[in-house]
Protein backbone atom coordinates (compact mmCIF):
# COMPACT_ATOMS: atom_id res chain seq x y z
CA UNK A 1 -0.27 -0.23 -0.01
CA UNK A 2 1.77 3.34 -1.06
CA UNK A 3 2.10 6.29 1.74
CA UNK A 4 -0.58 8.67 1.45
CA UNK A 5 -0.48 12.72 1.18
CA UNK A 6 -0.73 14.52 4.64
CA UNK A 7 1.98 17.41 5.76
CA UNK A 8 3.33 17.49 9.24
CA UNK A 9 3.02 21.14 10.61
CA UNK A 10 4.82 20.26 14.02
CA UNK A 11 7.59 18.63 15.78
CA UNK A 12 7.18 15.22 16.56
CA UNK A 13 6.80 14.66 20.37
CA UNK A 14 9.22 11.96 20.09
CA UNK A 15 12.08 13.96 18.53
CA UNK A 16 11.52 16.34 21.75
CA UNK A 17 9.60 19.26 19.87
CA UNK A 18 5.98 18.03 20.29
CA UNK A 19 5.65 20.34 23.06
CA UNK A 20 6.72 23.36 21.17
CA UNK A 21 5.11 22.71 18.20
CA UNK A 22 1.60 23.78 19.86
CA UNK A 23 3.09 26.76 21.30
CA UNK A 24 1.77 29.30 18.28
CA UNK A 25 3.94 31.18 15.37
CA UNK A 26 4.82 33.94 17.27
CA UNK A 27 6.66 32.04 20.07
CA UNK A 28 8.25 29.85 17.50
CA UNK A 29 9.68 32.67 15.48
CA UNK A 30 11.40 33.86 18.63
CA UNK A 31 12.40 30.82 19.82
CA UNK A 32 14.22 30.64 16.44
CA UNK A 33 16.29 33.89 17.21
CA UNK A 34 17.62 32.43 19.84
CA UNK A 35 18.63 29.10 18.90
CA UNK A 36 20.36 30.66 15.94
CA UNK A 37 22.46 32.45 18.41
CA UNK A 38 23.85 29.68 20.03
CA UNK A 39 25.22 28.25 16.47
CA UNK A 40 28.81 29.32 15.58
CA UNK A 41 28.47 28.74 12.37
CA UNK A 42 25.17 31.00 12.23
CA UNK A 43 25.28 32.33 8.92
CA UNK A 44 25.53 29.16 7.35
CA UNK A 45 22.94 27.71 9.11
CA UNK A 46 20.60 30.77 8.40
CA UNK A 47 21.72 30.37 4.45
CA UNK A 48 21.16 26.48 4.13
CA UNK A 49 17.97 26.63 6.26
CA UNK A 50 16.75 29.60 3.95
CA UNK A 51 17.73 27.87 0.62
CA UNK A 52 16.31 24.65 2.08
CA UNK A 53 12.67 26.30 2.58
CA UNK A 54 12.91 27.93 -0.85
CA UNK A 55 13.58 24.46 -2.61
CA UNK A 56 10.42 23.05 -0.41
CA UNK A 57 8.20 25.90 0.42
CA UNK A 58 6.36 23.31 2.30
CA UNK A 59 8.85 22.89 4.96
CA UNK A 60 8.64 25.51 8.15
CA UNK A 61 11.77 26.37 9.87
CA UNK A 62 11.27 27.53 13.53
CA UNK A 63 12.62 26.74 16.89
CA UNK A 64 11.80 23.49 19.06
CA UNK A 65 13.08 21.67 22.74
CA UNK A 66 15.01 18.54 21.38
CA UNK A 67 14.86 15.43 24.03
CA UNK A 68 17.29 12.52 22.62
CA UNK A 69 15.43 9.63 24.08
CA UNK A 70 18.50 7.36 23.80
CA UNK A 71 20.29 8.88 26.71
CA UNK A 72 20.04 8.35 30.37
CA UNK A 73 19.20 11.78 31.17
CA UNK A 74 16.51 13.38 28.80
CA UNK A 75 17.20 17.24 29.09
CA UNK A 76 16.13 19.28 26.50
CA UNK A 77 18.04 21.51 24.24
CA UNK A 78 17.10 24.07 22.26
CA UNK A 79 17.34 23.67 18.68
CA UNK A 80 16.65 24.97 14.95
CA UNK A 81 13.68 22.50 13.73
CA UNK A 82 12.57 22.00 9.91
CA UNK A 83 9.05 20.27 9.97
CA UNK A 84 7.18 19.94 6.53
CA UNK A 85 7.24 17.04 3.71
CA UNK A 86 9.23 16.45 0.79
CA UNK A 87 7.78 14.93 -2.48
CA UNK A 88 8.67 11.56 -3.39
CA UNK A 89 7.24 9.68 -6.45
CA UNK A 90 6.49 5.77 -6.08
CA UNK A 91 4.84 3.30 -8.91
CA UNK A 92 4.08 6.71 -10.65
CA UNK A 93 2.22 8.68 -7.81
CA UNK A 94 3.40 11.18 -6.23
CA UNK A 95 3.26 11.27 -2.33
CA UNK A 96 4.47 13.72 0.40
CA UNK A 97 6.52 12.26 3.14
CA UNK A 98 6.31 13.83 6.55
CA UNK A 99 9.99 14.77 7.68
CA UNK A 100 10.84 16.88 11.09
CA UNK A 101 15.21 18.09 10.64
CA UNK A 102 16.56 18.91 14.46
CA UNK A 103 20.11 20.87 13.64
CA UNK A 104 22.38 20.47 16.34
CA UNK A 105 24.61 23.55 17.54
CA UNK A 106 27.84 22.25 15.66
CA UNK A 107 25.60 22.27 12.54
CA UNK A 108 27.66 22.09 9.50
CA UNK A 109 29.76 20.15 11.40
CA UNK A 110 27.42 17.10 12.47
CA UNK A 111 24.35 16.02 10.62
CA UNK A 112 20.87 16.63 11.59
CA UNK A 113 18.72 14.43 13.31
CA UNK A 114 16.76 13.48 10.72
CA UNK A 115 12.93 11.55 11.57
CA UNK A 116 10.17 10.49 9.52
CA UNK A 117 6.80 11.98 11.59
CA UNK A 118 3.58 9.94 10.46
CA UNK A 119 0.11 11.11 10.61
CA UNK A 120 -1.94 9.32 13.22
CA UNK A 121 -3.24 7.13 10.20
CA UNK A 122 -0.20 6.20 8.98
CA UNK A 123 2.35 3.52 10.02
CA UNK A 124 6.13 2.58 9.68
CA UNK A 125 6.76 -0.35 7.34
CA UNK A 126 8.23 -3.34 9.26
CA UNK A 127 12.15 -3.88 8.75
CA UNK A 128 12.83 -0.75 6.54
CA UNK A 129 16.19 -0.49 6.19
CA UNK A 130 16.09 3.40 6.39
CA UNK A 131 13.76 3.96 8.80
CA UNK A 132 13.71 2.43 12.48
CA UNK A 133 10.45 2.02 14.44
CA UNK A 134 11.32 5.07 16.33
CA UNK A 135 11.21 7.17 13.13
CA UNK A 136 15.20 7.90 12.86
CA UNK A 137 16.73 7.98 9.54
CA UNK A 138 19.28 5.55 8.76
CA UNK A 139 20.74 6.87 6.04
CA UNK A 140 24.44 6.40 3.53
CA UNK A 141 24.43 10.52 3.10
CA UNK A 142 24.61 11.11 6.67
CA UNK A 143 26.86 8.32 7.68
CA UNK A 144 29.26 10.09 4.97
CA UNK A 145 28.15 13.64 6.28
CA UNK A 146 31.20 16.04 5.93
CA UNK A 147 30.10 19.80 6.57
CA UNK A 148 33.17 20.79 5.26
CA UNK A 149 33.02 19.35 1.75
CA UNK A 150 29.86 19.82 0.58
CA UNK A 151 27.32 18.00 2.99
CA UNK A 152 24.01 20.57 3.22
CA UNK A 153 20.57 20.17 3.58
CA UNK A 154 18.82 20.54 0.13
CA UNK A 155 21.58 17.51 -0.98
CA UNK A 156 20.16 15.43 2.00
CA UNK A 157 16.82 16.09 1.14
CA UNK A 158 17.12 15.64 -2.35
CA UNK A 159 18.90 12.04 -1.05
CA UNK A 160 16.07 11.09 0.95
CA UNK A 161 13.44 11.86 -1.84
CA UNK A 162 15.25 9.70 -3.91
CA UNK A 163 15.63 6.95 -1.39
CA UNK A 164 12.18 6.66 -0.05
CA UNK A 165 10.92 6.91 -3.71
CA UNK A 166 12.29 3.54 -4.29
CA UNK A 167 11.10 1.68 -1.09
CA UNK A 168 8.34 4.28 1.15
CA UNK A 169 8.53 3.61 4.97
CA UNK A 170 5.21 4.46 5.81
CA UNK A 171 1.65 2.76 4.84
CA UNK A 172 -1.95 3.90 5.83
CA UNK A 173 -2.99 1.96 8.56
CA UNK A 174 -6.21 -0.48 8.16
CA UNK A 175 -9.34 0.87 9.27
CA UNK A 176 -10.13 -0.12 13.02
CA UNK A 177 -13.48 -2.13 13.17
CA UNK A 178 -16.24 -1.46 14.99
CA UNK A 179 -16.53 -2.21 18.76
CA UNK A 180 -18.85 -5.09 20.20
CA UNK A 181 -21.40 -2.52 22.02
CA UNK A 182 -22.01 -0.31 18.90
CA UNK A 183 -22.45 -3.25 16.74
CA UNK A 184 -25.18 -4.28 19.51
CA UNK A 185 -26.82 -0.92 19.30
CA UNK A 186 -26.97 -0.88 15.82
CA UNK A 187 -28.47 -4.38 15.14
CA UNK A 188 -31.97 -3.45 15.77
CA UNK A 189 -31.72 -0.31 13.45
CA UNK A 190 -30.69 -2.99 10.72
CA UNK A 191 -34.01 -4.60 11.78
CA UNK A 192 -36.19 -2.03 11.26
CA UNK A 193 -34.14 -0.15 8.18
CA UNK A 194 -32.63 -2.90 6.42
CA UNK A 195 -31.12 -0.33 3.60
CA UNK A 196 -28.90 1.81 5.94
CA UNK A 197 -25.52 1.80 5.69
CA UNK A 198 -23.33 1.67 8.91
CA UNK A 199 -19.67 2.44 9.51
CA UNK A 200 -17.27 -0.48 10.37
CA UNK A 201 -17.63 -4.03 8.92
CA UNK A 202 -20.56 -4.83 6.81
CA UNK A 203 -23.41 -6.18 9.15
CA UNK A 204 -24.77 -9.55 8.90
CA UNK A 205 -28.19 -10.10 7.10
CA UNK A 206 -31.16 -9.08 8.92
CA UNK A 207 -33.51 -11.58 10.54
CA UNK A 208 -36.47 -12.53 8.54
CA UNK A 209 -39.19 -10.04 9.58
CA UNK A 210 -41.82 -12.85 10.11
CA UNK A 211 -41.35 -16.43 11.78
CA UNK A 212 -42.62 -19.63 10.10
CA UNK A 213 -42.75 -21.79 12.79
CA UNK A 214 -46.23 -22.91 14.42
CA UNK A 215 -47.68 -20.25 16.66
CA UNK A 216 -46.76 -20.88 20.21
CA UNK A 217 -49.55 -21.32 22.64
CA UNK A 218 -51.37 -18.67 24.31
CA UNK A 219 -49.95 -18.10 28.20
CA UNK A 220 -51.09 -15.72 30.62
CA UNK A 221 -48.15 -13.73 30.81
CA UNK A 222 -46.40 -12.21 27.77
CA UNK A 223 -44.40 -14.67 25.47
CA UNK A 224 -40.41 -14.13 26.45
CA UNK A 225 -39.68 -12.05 23.34
CA UNK A 226 -36.83 -9.81 25.05
CA UNK A 227 -34.87 -13.27 26.06
CA UNK A 228 -35.09 -14.28 22.61
CA UNK A 229 -33.87 -11.30 21.21
CA UNK A 230 -31.07 -10.98 23.48
CA UNK A 231 -29.66 -14.15 22.20
CA UNK A 232 -30.17 -13.65 18.71
CA UNK A 233 -28.08 -10.18 19.41
CA UNK A 234 -25.38 -12.46 21.21
CA UNK A 235 -24.96 -14.81 18.56
CA UNK A 236 -25.04 -12.28 16.10
CA UNK A 237 -22.22 -9.82 17.86
CA UNK A 238 -20.16 -12.91 18.45
CA UNK A 239 -20.32 -13.97 14.46
CA UNK A 240 -19.28 -10.35 13.84
CA UNK A 241 -16.35 -10.69 16.05
CA UNK A 242 -15.26 -13.87 14.53
CA UNK A 243 -15.35 -12.09 11.16
CA UNK A 244 -13.59 -8.95 12.07
CA UNK A 245 -10.94 -11.22 13.73
CA UNK A 246 -10.50 -12.94 10.85
CA UNK A 247 -10.47 -9.60 8.59
CA UNK A 248 -8.02 -8.24 11.04
CA UNK A 249 -5.96 -11.52 10.47
CA UNK A 250 -6.45 -11.68 6.77
CA UNK A 251 -5.07 -7.68 6.93
CA UNK A 252 -2.22 -8.58 9.38
CA UNK A 253 -1.29 -11.34 6.90
CA UNK A 254 -1.41 -9.36 4.06
CA UNK A 255 1.12 -6.17 5.65
CA UNK A 256 3.15 -9.10 6.68
CA UNK A 257 3.42 -10.50 2.76
CA UNK A 258 4.09 -6.85 1.96
CA UNK A 259 6.95 -6.58 4.12
CA UNK A 260 8.20 -9.92 3.38
CA UNK A 261 8.29 -9.08 -0.52
CA UNK A 262 9.62 -5.72 0.07
CA UNK A 263 12.16 -6.99 1.85
CA UNK A 264 13.14 -10.05 -0.67
CA UNK A 265 12.58 -7.26 -3.41
CA UNK A 266 15.13 -5.33 -1.53
CA UNK A 267 17.73 -7.69 -0.71
CA UNK A 268 17.47 -8.73 -4.76
CA UNK A 269 17.71 -5.54 -5.65
CA UNK A 270 20.75 -4.89 -3.27
CA UNK A 271 22.41 -8.26 -5.05
CA UNK A 272 21.80 -7.10 -8.46
CA UNK A 273 23.53 -3.94 -7.82
CA UNK A 274 26.11 -5.28 -6.58
CA UNK A 275 26.54 -7.64 -9.10
CA UNK A 276 26.33 -5.01 -11.63
CA UNK A 277 28.93 -3.00 -10.01
CA UNK A 278 31.15 -5.99 -10.00
CA UNK A 279 30.28 -6.80 -13.39
CA UNK A 280 31.21 -3.57 -14.38
CA UNK A 281 34.15 -3.55 -12.38
CA UNK A 282 35.59 -6.93 -14.07
CA UNK A 283 34.65 -5.50 -17.54
CA UNK A 284 36.42 -2.15 -17.07
CA UNK A 285 39.36 -4.59 -16.15
CA UNK A 286 39.31 -6.92 -19.10
CA UNK A 287 38.62 -4.03 -21.23
CA UNK A 288 41.93 -2.35 -19.88
CA UNK A 289 43.91 -5.59 -19.89
CA UNK A 290 42.40 -6.22 -23.49
CA UNK A 291 43.85 -2.66 -24.41
CA UNK A 292 46.96 -2.92 -22.92
CA UNK A 293 47.25 -6.42 -24.76
CA UNK A 294 46.53 -4.73 -27.85
CA UNK A 295 49.34 -1.95 -27.39
CA UNK A 296 51.78 -5.00 -26.11
CA UNK A 297 50.97 -6.99 -29.39
CA UNK A 298 51.67 -3.53 -30.94
CA UNK A 299 55.15 -3.46 -29.39
CA UNK A 300 55.91 -7.01 -29.78
CA UNK A 301 55.08 -6.81 -33.66
CA UNK A 302 57.30 -3.21 -34.10
CA UNK A 303 60.40 -5.43 -32.04
CA UNK A 304 59.95 -8.34 -34.08
CA UNK A 305 60.22 -6.32 -37.57
CA UNK A 306 63.24 -4.07 -35.79
CA UNK A 307 64.80 -7.57 -35.39
CA UNK A 308 64.38 -8.74 -38.78
CA UNK A 309 65.81 -5.81 -40.23
CA UNK A 310 68.84 -5.98 -38.13
CA UNK A 311 69.19 -9.72 -38.80
CA UNK A 312 69.14 -8.82 -42.73
CA UNK A 313 71.52 -6.44 -41.93
CA UNK A 314 74.22 -8.80 -39.62
CA UNK A 315 73.59 -11.28 -42.47
CA UNK A 316 74.93 -9.01 -45.30
CA UNK A 317 77.63 -7.48 -42.80
CA UNK A 318 78.73 -11.34 -42.28
CA UNK A 319 79.20 -12.01 -45.96
CA UNK A 320 81.08 -8.84 -46.75
CA UNK A 321 83.25 -9.74 -43.67
CA UNK A 322 83.85 -13.47 -44.89
CA UNK A 323 84.07 -12.23 -48.32
CA UNK A 324 86.91 -9.64 -47.24
CA UNK A 325 88.22 -12.12 -45.25
CA UNK A 326 88.76 -14.72 -48.10
CA UNK A 327 91.08 -11.91 -50.09
CA UNK A 328 92.92 -11.03 -47.27
CA UNK A 329 93.91 -14.53 -46.72
CA UNK A 330 94.60 -15.02 -50.58
CA UNK A 331 97.07 -11.47 -50.20
CA UNK A 332 98.83 -13.22 -47.34
CA UNK A 333 99.09 -16.53 -49.00
CA UNK A 334 100.80 -14.77 -51.99
CA UNK A 335 103.19 -12.27 -49.81
CA UNK A 336 104.12 -15.66 -48.01
CA UNK A 337 104.66 -17.46 -51.21
CA UNK A 338 107.52 -14.48 -52.43
CA UNK A 339 111.20 -14.63 -51.66
CA UNK A 340 112.18 -12.68 -48.47
CA UNK A 341 112.70 -8.89 -49.34
CA UNK A 342 116.28 -7.31 -48.52
CA UNK A 343 116.06 -3.45 -47.43
CA UNK A 344 119.38 -3.25 -48.19
CA UNK A 345 118.88 -3.92 -51.97
CA UNK A 346 117.06 -0.60 -51.97
CA UNK A 347 120.11 1.35 -50.56
CA UNK A 348 123.05 -0.15 -51.85
CA UNK A 349 123.98 1.41 -55.51
CA UNK A 350 123.74 -1.11 -58.42
CA UNK A 351 126.15 0.51 -60.36
CA UNK A 352 129.74 2.53 -60.13
CA UNK A 353 127.84 5.53 -61.38
CA UNK A 354 125.18 5.21 -58.71
CA UNK A 355 127.64 4.63 -56.33
CA UNK A 356 129.70 7.97 -57.18
CA UNK A 357 126.60 9.95 -57.31
CA UNK A 358 125.97 8.63 -53.69
CA UNK A 359 129.47 9.61 -52.23
CA UNK A 360 128.81 13.09 -54.36
CA UNK A 361 125.33 13.58 -52.23
CA UNK A 362 126.66 12.55 -48.91
CA UNK A 363 130.07 14.89 -49.16
CA UNK A 364 127.95 17.80 -50.13
CA UNK A 365 125.52 17.07 -47.13
CA UNK A 366 128.37 16.43 -44.54
CA UNK A 367 130.13 19.70 -45.80
CA UNK A 368 127.12 21.78 -45.04
CA UNK A 369 127.02 20.34 -41.60
CA UNK A 370 130.67 21.14 -41.32
CA UNK A 371 129.80 24.88 -42.44
CA UNK A 372 126.89 25.28 -39.86
CA UNK A 373 129.08 23.51 -36.60
CA UNK A 374 131.93 26.07 -37.38
CA UNK A 375 129.86 28.79 -37.28
CA UNK A 376 128.14 27.91 -34.33
CA UNK A 377 131.91 27.81 -32.74
CA UNK A 378 132.85 30.83 -34.04
CA UNK A 379 129.99 32.93 -32.64
CA UNK A 380 130.65 31.03 -29.10
CA UNK A 381 134.64 31.87 -28.91
CA UNK A 382 135.83 28.41 -29.36
CA UNK A 383 137.91 28.84 -32.42
CA UNK A 384 139.66 32.11 -33.27
CA UNK A 385 138.53 33.76 -36.96
CA UNK A 386 142.29 32.84 -38.58
CA UNK A 387 141.18 29.10 -38.15
CA UNK A 388 138.00 29.74 -39.15
CA UNK A 389 138.85 31.07 -42.22
CA UNK A 390 141.44 28.71 -43.11
CA UNK A 391 138.95 25.93 -42.64
CA UNK A 392 136.15 27.65 -44.63
CA UNK A 393 138.65 28.16 -47.54
CA UNK A 394 139.07 23.79 -47.08
CA UNK A 395 135.57 23.22 -46.64
CA UNK A 396 134.60 25.23 -49.85
CA UNK A 397 137.28 24.12 -52.06
CA UNK A 398 135.70 20.47 -51.42
CA UNK A 399 132.01 21.42 -51.77
CA UNK A 400 132.78 22.94 -55.17
CA UNK A 401 134.64 19.75 -56.18
CA UNK A 402 131.39 17.55 -55.10
CA UNK A 403 129.03 19.95 -56.36
CA UNK A 404 130.85 19.92 -59.73
CA UNK A 405 130.40 15.75 -59.72
CA UNK A 406 126.88 15.90 -59.32
CA UNK A 407 126.27 18.66 -61.82
CA UNK A 408 128.22 16.49 -64.28
CA UNK A 409 126.43 13.02 -63.35
CA UNK A 410 122.81 14.86 -63.55
CA UNK A 411 123.86 15.65 -66.99
């Protein structure tokens, strides 16, 4: 059964704001100003509350007294309270979910206390994964709240709308059956007016207006009609109570079946989501492996082509080296087959004319060297000038004769 549209105009008493909710709008406004002063991040609180009310006009911001029922000493703490409804869409229909948010004094560094506040004709879904029986919301967004990194009231309300649109936490209560005294009271009316509709479960068919049995014997006293009617009314009330109990049992069984089906759907949905995430992860990992394998294959093919080119070049170089080695071996064998070479054969003259030419050249060069050293001796004072001139005249005459021989041999 989908949730029913309703609006919560006050803070739930279970959250500690029920008493403050009935105090009137003026008192709530004053309390809101006092509560805001206790917030270190008051400017941000005002901005986020104003933004939330602007995005969700059904919300009402005021001050209230928050009492945490989980503590031993229940102390009322003044806090800013947001009450109202957020829209959810379930099976194509739009509904309003009543909520209450309490902002602690260290907000936004701690998440708000978030509650679902059902109307009197609504009840919580048993075993809901995101709401306990006290109405406290258990959301992943609240567990991962980080006021310094983007967490805000509007984002929380959007997350609540998304989560509770998948699995609403509230259902309408089944209609309460009428009590036995009321049924006993309405049965005579149904005898008198069979066509009148009475609230509650449909009444049993009225007894016939006439009795087909033989007429009773006459008595001096009036017949016990009142006692007979009382017995008939008691039997009818027992039948109606039995039918009511059966109807309640059927409704409870239907609610239990719906809860079990919802739990199974939730479990299957989570398992499917987990499987989908794991499958997507595996597909991404396999795609990455395929891409790396393709890159590796391309690199291997490039390396193989480069190695083949180097192998061809190496084979060609080996062929050239082998050919050059064969040529060098042939030259070595040829040179080894020749007779030993004598260096003196190039120096010793082969004819008398060559011998005479060699002697003349050697004598000319030797005289040149002698002139050089005589000049050095004269400069250093080793020999006197007369001796120098005498030696020069002798050497000059010898050089003249050697050069004359050279000129004659060159002709």
